């Protein structure tokens, strides 16, 4: 399924490459938001480098997804931010952390604000990149030279950097508990600033996002499984960036299903992709990719905060104007939903009837495409039949 989903989204993004990204010469003086990007190509030797804005103005907003949804930033503005970021890169082995270039990337990842920088490329940066997992960025080129001004580090990130006996998963949990923004934790994780010293390495950006989401979610779930079960049905919802999300919480031990529908985007037909886990969790990588883990993490944040457990079903509809912007779109929208007032219902049918009034498809469309919701409805219907 993941191949068919990515093939569908690739068809969508092909039509975006007529957009205009920033134009720069071989020399670039400006700032980094701060931002770094590590690719997957040719792993374990990868392209790693900074994302740079060709301006001395504060560029922090260009790589701050936590602020975008909270400030109702438009899809067009986010794309404009991202396509004005230039990706510099050099080939680095993932364990080659003892060099000046990687140390600069680590400093960038731990910075508390945007940093003035200077870059020289081997040739003029070109192109742009859109992805289902990562936020887009503008042109890229191999770096010939790269320098940054003095950096003020975030205190909490600095502490985990110098603690070379602290496991990476423990560092992620500590930083999350200290309310360090997810994007900062992920960037610092990706450039090898966390973990036992001999185990540190570069982690491609796409993989590091899922790794941090999964680490946080697993730690939260270890707590949530021991909480009391919800005693009514709740529906949390939010609409933003051409997406509608409804999260249905069902009185039950922890179970989880992610269901996403893409509604004939750019005439490519309507597709529904789903995945789920039962109370024992999930061992294999999700067939729908990183959005599965980031939504799960955001939901578990709310359950842990409320000291409850539940079965959680996510309905997502991306409408015809949707553009893939990366999994932050899912994480921050679901977080916003889970922090908003919810609607409460006495029965599963009443909750599903309400959700259906907000969907363009039907609940039946999602039920037929998925697994867990269908099993729950069948089980509850069988129980009622036996009762009567």
Protein backbone atom coordinates (compact mmCIF):
# COMPACT_ATOMS: atom_id res chain seq x y z
CA UNK A 1 0.00 0.00 0.00
CA UNK A 2 2.82 2.38 0.79
CA UNK A 3 4.07 2.08 -2.80
CA UNK A 4 0.64 2.91 -4.19
CA UNK A 5 0.25 5.85 -1.80
CA UNK A 6 3.62 7.32 -2.70
CA UNK A 7 2.95 6.72 -6.38
CA UNK A 8 -0.32 8.66 -6.03
CA UNK A 9 1.35 11.54 -4.19
CA UNK A 10 4.21 11.56 -6.69
CA UNK A 11 1.68 12.10 -9.46
CA UNK A 12 0.32 15.06 -7.53
CA UNK A 13 3.70 16.64 -6.88
CA UNK A 14 4.77 16.37 -10.53
CA UNK A 15 2.33 19.16 -11.27
CA UNK A 16 3.91 21.44 -8.66
CA UNK A 17 7.25 21.83 -10.37
CA UNK A 18 6.01 24.74 -12.45
CA UNK A 19 6.18 26.82 -9.26
CA UNK A 20 9.03 29.26 -8.85
CA UNK A 21 11.67 28.83 -6.18
CA UNK A 22 14.22 31.41 -5.14
CA UNK A 23 17.09 32.16 -7.52
CA UNK A 24 20.61 32.49 -6.15
CA UNK A 25 24.13 32.62 -7.53
CA UNK A 26 27.09 30.51 -6.49
CA UNK A 27 27.63 32.83 -3.50
CA UNK A 28 24.95 33.17 -0.81
CA UNK A 29 25.03 35.43 2.24
CA UNK A 30 22.05 35.13 4.54
CA UNK A 31 20.76 33.05 7.45
CA UNK A 32 19.74 29.54 8.37
CA UNK A 33 16.37 29.43 10.30
CA UNK A 34 18.17 27.23 11.83
CA UNK A 35 17.64 24.22 9.60
CA UNK A 36 19.49 21.12 8.40
CA UNK A 37 18.54 18.41 5.93
CA UNK A 38 19.97 14.93 5.51
CA UNK A 39 18.96 12.83 2.51
CA UNK A 40 18.60 9.07 2.10
CA UNK A 41 20.30 8.70 -1.30
CA UNK A 42 23.41 6.48 -1.29
CA UNK A 43 23.05 5.64 2.42
CA UNK A 44 25.30 5.14 4.46
CA UNK A 45 27.05 7.99 2.64
CA UNK A 46 24.46 10.75 2.47
CA UNK A 47 24.01 14.33 1.32
CA UNK A 48 23.92 16.45 4.48
CA UNK A 49 23.80 20.20 4.86
CA UNK A 50 22.02 23.37 5.92
CA UNK A 51 18.93 25.06 4.54
CA UNK A 52 19.73 28.70 3.89
CA UNK A 53 17.67 31.83 3.31
CA UNK A 54 19.23 34.47 1.00
CA UNK A 55 18.48 37.30 3.41
CA UNK A 56 19.85 38.64 6.69
CA UNK A 57 16.34 39.01 8.10
CA UNK A 58 15.22 36.59 10.82
CA UNK A 59 14.30 33.42 8.92
CA UNK A 60 13.08 31.33 11.89
CA UNK A 61 9.48 31.14 10.59
CA UNK A 62 10.67 29.31 7.46
CA UNK A 63 11.35 26.13 9.45
CA UNK A 64 8.95 26.37 12.37
CA UNK A 65 5.98 24.05 11.62
CA UNK A 66 4.69 24.34 15.19
CA UNK A 67 3.94 28.02 14.51
CA UNK A 68 2.33 27.57 11.10
CA UNK A 69 -0.89 25.84 12.17
CA UNK A 70 -1.18 27.83 15.41
CA UNK A 71 -0.97 31.08 13.41
CA UNK A 72 -3.31 29.90 10.63
CA UNK A 73 -0.51 30.26 8.09
CA UNK A 74 -1.84 29.57 4.59
CA UNK A 75 -0.64 26.74 2.38
CA UNK A 76 0.64 29.33 -0.09
CA UNK A 77 2.69 31.12 2.59
CA UNK A 78 4.24 27.88 3.82
CA UNK A 79 5.24 26.94 0.27
CA UNK A 80 6.68 30.42 -0.22
CA UNK A 81 8.75 30.06 2.96
CA UNK A 82 10.06 26.69 1.95
CA UNK A 83 10.84 27.42 -1.69
CA UNK A 84 12.96 30.35 -0.52
CA UNK A 85 15.23 27.98 1.39
CA UNK A 86 18.33 26.84 -0.47
CA UNK A 87 19.74 23.42 0.35
CA UNK A 88 23.51 23.17 0.61
CA UNK A 89 24.98 19.68 0.73
CA UNK A 90 28.12 17.61 0.98
CA UNK A 91 28.55 13.83 0.97
CA UNK A 92 29.23 12.55 4.48
CA UNK A 93 29.47 9.05 5.96
CA UNK A 94 26.85 8.64 8.68
CA UNK A 95 29.48 7.89 11.34
CA UNK A 96 31.88 10.64 10.24
CA UNK A 97 31.00 13.08 13.03
CA UNK A 98 34.52 14.20 13.86
CA UNK A 99 34.86 16.87 11.21
CA UNK A 100 34.36 20.61 11.10
CA UNK A 101 31.49 20.54 8.62
CA UNK A 102 29.34 18.14 10.68
CA UNK A 103 30.14 20.09 13.83
CA UNK A 104 28.66 23.19 12.14
CA UNK A 105 25.52 21.23 11.29
CA UNK A 106 25.27 20.11 14.91
CA UNK A 107 25.62 23.68 16.10
CA UNK A 108 22.87 24.73 13.72
CA UNK A 109 20.55 21.98 14.98
CA UNK A 110 20.94 23.13 18.59
CA UNK A 111 20.65 26.86 17.91
CA UNK A 112 18.00 28.89 19.71
CA UNK A 113 17.50 31.35 16.83
CA UNK A 114 18.40 31.95 13.20
CA UNK A 115 22.11 32.19 12.38
CA UNK A 116 23.93 34.39 9.91
CA UNK A 117 25.75 32.25 7.36
CA UNK A 118 27.84 32.38 4.21
CA UNK A 119 27.95 29.74 1.49
CA UNK A 120 29.73 29.14 -1.77
CA UNK A 121 28.45 26.44 -4.11
CA UNK A 122 30.21 24.48 -6.85
CA UNK A 123 27.50 25.68 -9.22
CA UNK A 124 24.28 27.68 -9.07
CA UNK A 125 21.63 25.88 -6.98
CA UNK A 126 18.70 24.61 -9.01
CA UNK A 127 15.37 22.84 -8.68
CA UNK A 128 12.95 22.26 -5.81
CA UNK A 129 11.69 19.30 -3.79
CA UNK A 130 8.20 18.27 -2.66
CA UNK A 131 7.67 15.15 -0.54
CA UNK A 132 4.96 13.30 1.36
CA UNK A 133 7.27 13.02 4.38
CA UNK A 134 9.46 16.15 4.43
CA UNK A 135 8.58 19.83 4.11
CA UNK A 136 9.48 21.13 0.63
CA UNK A 137 12.54 23.22 -0.07
CA UNK A 138 13.95 25.27 -2.91
CA UNK A 139 17.05 24.79 -5.08
CA UNK A 140 20.08 22.77 -4.02
CA UNK A 141 23.76 22.41 -4.88
CA UNK A 142 26.97 20.97 -3.48
CA UNK A 143 28.75 23.31 -1.09
CA UNK A 144 32.30 24.45 -1.76
CA UNK A 145 32.57 26.56 1.41
CA UNK A 146 30.25 27.13 4.38
CA UNK A 147 30.60 29.31 7.46
CA UNK A 148 28.29 30.42 10.27
CA UNK A 149 28.47 33.11 12.93
CA UNK A 150 28.65 32.29 16.63
CA UNK A 151 25.71 30.20 17.77
CA UNK A 152 23.75 30.39 21.01
CA UNK A 153 22.61 26.85 21.84
CA UNK A 154 19.31 25.87 23.37
CA UNK A 155 20.17 24.93 26.97
CA UNK A 156 18.23 21.65 27.03
CA UNK A 157 19.67 20.47 23.71
CA UNK A 158 23.14 21.40 24.94
CA UNK A 159 22.68 19.24 28.06
CA UNK A 160 21.73 16.15 26.05
CA UNK A 161 24.61 16.79 23.64
CA UNK A 162 27.21 16.72 26.40
CA UNK A 163 25.65 13.72 28.18
CA UNK A 164 27.38 10.98 26.18
CA UNK A 165 26.09 8.22 28.50
CA UNK A 166 22.44 9.10 27.89
CA UNK A 167 20.61 6.88 25.38
CA UNK A 168 19.07 8.66 22.42
CA UNK A 169 15.54 7.47 23.28
CA UNK A 170 15.93 8.80 26.82
CA UNK A 171 17.20 12.13 25.47
CA UNK A 172 14.18 12.42 23.17
CA UNK A 173 11.81 11.71 26.06
CA UNK A 174 13.51 14.27 28.32
CA UNK A 175 13.40 16.97 25.65
CA UNK A 176 9.74 16.23 24.88
CA UNK A 177 8.89 16.44 28.59
CA UNK A 178 10.70 19.81 28.69
CA UNK A 179 8.40 21.08 25.88
CA UNK A 180 11.21 21.48 23.35
CA UNK A 181 9.47 21.78 19.94
CA UNK A 182 9.32 18.52 18.02
CA UNK A 183 11.07 20.05 15.01
CA UNK A 184 14.05 21.04 17.16
CA UNK A 185 14.31 17.60 18.75
CA UNK A 186 14.15 15.93 15.33
CA UNK A 187 16.82 18.15 13.77
CA UNK A 188 19.20 17.64 16.68
CA UNK A 189 18.55 13.88 16.60
CA UNK A 190 19.25 13.71 12.86
CA UNK A 191 22.77 15.17 13.10
CA UNK A 192 23.99 12.88 15.85
CA UNK A 193 23.81 15.12 18.93
CA UNK A 194 22.07 12.50 21.10
CA UNK A 195 22.85 9.06 22.40
CA UNK A 196 25.75 7.13 23.82
CA UNK A 197 28.89 8.58 22.26
CA UNK A 198 29.98 5.53 20.25
CA UNK A 199 26.44 5.03 18.88
CA UNK A 200 25.91 8.54 17.52
CA UNK A 201 25.45 8.95 13.78
CA UNK A 202 23.70 11.00 11.12
CA UNK A 203 20.09 9.95 10.46
CA UNK A 204 18.32 10.97 7.24
CA UNK A 205 15.67 13.61 7.91
CA UNK A 206 12.76 11.43 6.78
CA UNK A 207 13.84 8.56 9.02
CA UNK A 208 14.59 10.79 11.97
CA UNK A 209 11.06 12.24 11.91
CA UNK A 210 9.54 8.77 12.24
CA UNK A 211 12.17 7.73 14.80
CA UNK A 212 11.36 10.66 17.09
CA UNK A 213 7.59 10.26 16.61
CA UNK A 214 7.86 6.54 17.41
CA UNK A 215 10.11 7.04 20.43
CA UNK A 216 7.75 9.59 21.98
CA UNK A 217 4.65 7.54 21.14
CA UNK A 218 6.09 4.34 22.60
CA UNK A 219 7.05 6.06 25.86
CA UNK A 220 3.58 7.63 26.13
CA UNK A 221 1.83 4.36 25.35
CA UNK A 222 3.74 2.61 28.13
CA UNK A 223 1.87 4.96 30.50
CA UNK A 224 -1.49 5.18 28.72
CA UNK A 225 -2.04 1.40 28.78
CA UNK A 226 -2.37 1.56 32.57
CA UNK A 227 -4.94 4.36 32.66
CA UNK A 228 -8.70 3.92 33.04
CA UNK A 229 -10.69 3.53 29.85
CA UNK A 230 -12.76 6.38 28.51
CA UNK A 231 -16.46 5.92 29.41
CA UNK A 232 -18.10 7.84 26.56
CA UNK A 233 -17.45 8.43 22.85
CA UNK A 234 -15.50 11.55 21.93
CA UNK A 235 -14.90 13.24 18.60
CA UNK A 236 -12.08 15.74 18.20
CA UNK A 237 -11.82 17.57 14.89
CA UNK A 238 -9.94 20.27 13.03
CA UNK A 239 -9.72 21.67 9.51
CA UNK A 240 -6.58 23.31 8.15
CA UNK A 241 -4.33 23.39 5.06
CA UNK A 242 -6.99 21.74 2.88
CA UNK A 243 -7.44 18.83 5.29
CA UNK A 244 -10.25 17.76 7.60
CA UNK A 245 -9.42 15.52 10.56
CA UNK A 246 -11.83 13.73 12.89
CA UNK A 247 -10.46 11.63 15.74
CA UNK A 248 -12.97 9.21 17.26
CA UNK A 249 -12.19 7.90 20.75
CA UNK A 250 -14.02 4.71 21.75
CA UNK A 251 -14.32 3.20 25.26
CA UNK A 252 -11.85 0.34 24.93
CA UNK A 253 -8.27 -0.65 25.65
CA UNK A 254 -5.76 1.08 23.35
CA UNK A 255 -6.19 0.34 19.67
CA UNK A 256 -5.54 2.68 16.77
CA UNK A 257 -6.47 3.07 13.12
CA UNK A 258 -5.33 5.74 10.66
CA UNK A 259 -7.56 6.29 7.62
CA UNK A 260 -6.80 8.96 5.03
CA UNK A 261 -8.69 9.85 1.87
CA UNK A 262 -7.31 11.95 -0.99
CA UNK A 263 -10.27 13.41 -2.85
CA UNK A 264 -9.55 13.43 -6.58
CA UNK A 265 -6.57 15.77 -6.20
CA UNK A 266 -5.57 17.27 -9.56
CA UNK A 267 -7.92 14.80 -11.24
CA UNK A 268 -5.96 11.76 -10.04
CA UNK A 269 -8.96 9.96 -8.57
CA UNK A 270 -10.02 9.38 -4.96
CA UNK A 271 -7.88 7.01 -2.91
CA UNK A 272 -8.16 5.80 0.69
CA UNK A 273 -5.16 4.41 2.59
CA UNK A 274 -5.35 2.81 6.03
CA UNK A 275 -3.36 0.98 8.69
CA UNK A 276 -4.01 -0.09 12.27
CA UNK A 277 -2.68 -1.74 15.40
CA UNK A 278 -4.28 -3.65 18.24
CA UNK A 279 -3.45 -3.48 21.94
CA UNK A 280 -0.10 -5.22 21.36
CA UNK A 281 1.18 -2.37 19.18
CA UNK A 282 2.82 -2.54 15.77
CA UNK A 283 6.10 -4.25 14.89
CA UNK A 284 6.43 -3.85 11.12
CA UNK A 285 6.76 -0.45 9.42
CA UNK A 286 3.39 1.09 8.62
CA UNK A 287 2.09 0.56 5.12
CA UNK A 288 1.00 4.22 4.98
CA UNK A 289 4.33 5.73 6.01
CA UNK A 290 5.27 8.39 8.53
CA UNK A 291 1.84 9.99 8.96
CA UNK A 292 0.73 6.89 10.88
CA UNK A 293 3.33 7.45 13.61
CA UNK A 294 3.01 11.21 13.86
CA UNK A 295 -0.78 11.06 14.32
CA UNK A 296 -0.41 8.30 16.89
CA UNK A 297 2.08 10.39 18.86
CA UNK A 298 -0.18 13.46 18.83
CA UNK A 299 -3.18 11.43 20.05
CA UNK A 300 -1.20 9.75 22.81
CA UNK A 301 -0.06 13.17 24.05
CA UNK A 302 -3.71 13.99 24.76
CA UNK A 303 -4.54 10.62 26.34
CA UNK A 304 -1.52 10.84 28.63
CA UNK A 305 -2.43 14.42 29.54
CA UNK A 306 -5.99 13.34 30.43
CA UNK A 307 -4.79 10.09 32.10
CA UNK A 308 -7.14 7.97 29.95
CA UNK A 309 -6.90 5.21 27.39
CA UNK A 310 -9.17 4.53 24.43
CA UNK A 311 -9.42 3.03 21.00
CA UNK A 312 -8.70 5.84 18.52
CA UNK A 313 -9.86 6.01 14.90
CA UNK A 314 -8.63 8.85 12.68
CA UNK A 315 -10.54 10.03 9.61
CA UNK A 316 -8.60 12.34 7.32
CA UNK A 317 -9.86 13.91 4.10
CA UNK A 318 -7.47 15.91 1.92
CA UNK A 319 -9.44 17.94 -0.59
CA UNK A 320 -8.73 18.76 -4.23
CA UNK A 321 -6.54 21.76 -3.32
CA UNK A 322 -4.21 19.76 -1.07
CA UNK A 323 -0.45 19.89 -1.65
CA UNK A 324 1.91 17.46 0.14
CA UNK A 325 3.92 19.48 2.66
CA UNK A 326 5.36 16.72 4.86
CA UNK A 327 4.10 14.87 7.92
CA UNK A 328 4.24 18.03 10.08
CA UNK A 329 0.88 18.78 8.42
CA UNK A 330 -0.61 15.74 10.14
CA UNK A 331 1.18 16.15 13.48
CA UNK A 332 0.36 19.79 14.08
CA UNK A 333 -3.23 19.54 12.84
CA UNK A 334 -3.96 16.52 15.03
CA UNK A 335 -2.30 18.23 17.98
CA UNK A 336 -4.51 21.24 17.38
CA UNK A 337 -7.58 18.98 17.22
CA UNK A 338 -6.64 17.19 20.45
CA UNK A 339 -6.24 20.53 22.24
CA UNK A 340 -9.66 21.75 21.06
CA UNK A 341 -13.05 21.14 22.72
CA UNK A 342 -14.51 17.75 21.80
CA UNK A 343 -18.04 16.53 21.10
CA UNK A 344 -19.31 13.75 23.35
CA UNK A 345 -21.76 10.96 22.42
CA UNK A 346 -23.44 8.10 24.25
CA UNK A 347 -23.26 5.60 21.39
CA UNK A 348 -20.87 4.67 18.59
CA UNK A 349 -23.58 5.18 15.98
CA UNK A 350 -24.26 8.72 17.17
CA UNK A 351 -20.56 9.56 17.01
CA UNK A 352 -20.21 8.11 13.50
CA UNK A 353 -23.37 9.88 12.33
CA UNK A 354 -21.85 13.18 13.48
CA UNK A 355 -18.55 12.51 11.73
CA UNK A 356 -20.37 11.65 8.52
CA UNK A 357 -21.99 15.10 8.47
CA UNK A 358 -18.47 16.56 8.21
CA UNK A 359 -17.07 14.17 5.58
CA UNK A 360 -17.40 14.38 1.81
CA UNK A 361 -17.18 10.59 1.63
CA UNK A 362 -19.24 8.28 3.84
CA UNK A 363 -18.21 6.43 6.96
CA UNK A 364 -18.96 3.26 4.99
CA UNK A 365 -16.30 4.24 2.43
CA UNK A 366 -13.70 4.40 5.19
CA UNK A 367 -15.02 1.28 6.91
CA UNK A 368 -14.69 -0.79 3.73
CA UNK A 369 -11.15 0.47 3.14
CA UNK A 370 -9.96 -0.19 6.69
CA UNK A 371 -9.86 -2.99 9.23
CA UNK A 372 -10.24 -1.94 12.85
CA UNK A 373 -13.39 0.23 12.61
CA UNK A 374 -15.10 -2.48 10.59
CA UNK A 375 -14.21 -5.11 13.19
CA UNK A 376 -15.48 -2.90 16.03
CA UNK A 377 -18.82 -2.24 14.32
CA UNK A 378 -19.28 -5.94 13.49
CA UNK A 379 -18.36 -7.00 17.03
CA UNK A 380 -20.75 -4.53 18.65
CA UNK A 381 -23.55 -5.51 16.27
CA UNK A 382 -22.97 -9.20 17.05
CA UNK A 383 -23.05 -8.42 20.77
CA UNK A 384 -26.36 -6.58 20.39
CA UNK A 385 -27.85 -9.43 18.34
CA UNK A 386 -26.86 -11.93 21.02
CA UNK A 387 -28.32 -9.69 23.74
CA UNK A 388 -31.70 -9.47 22.02
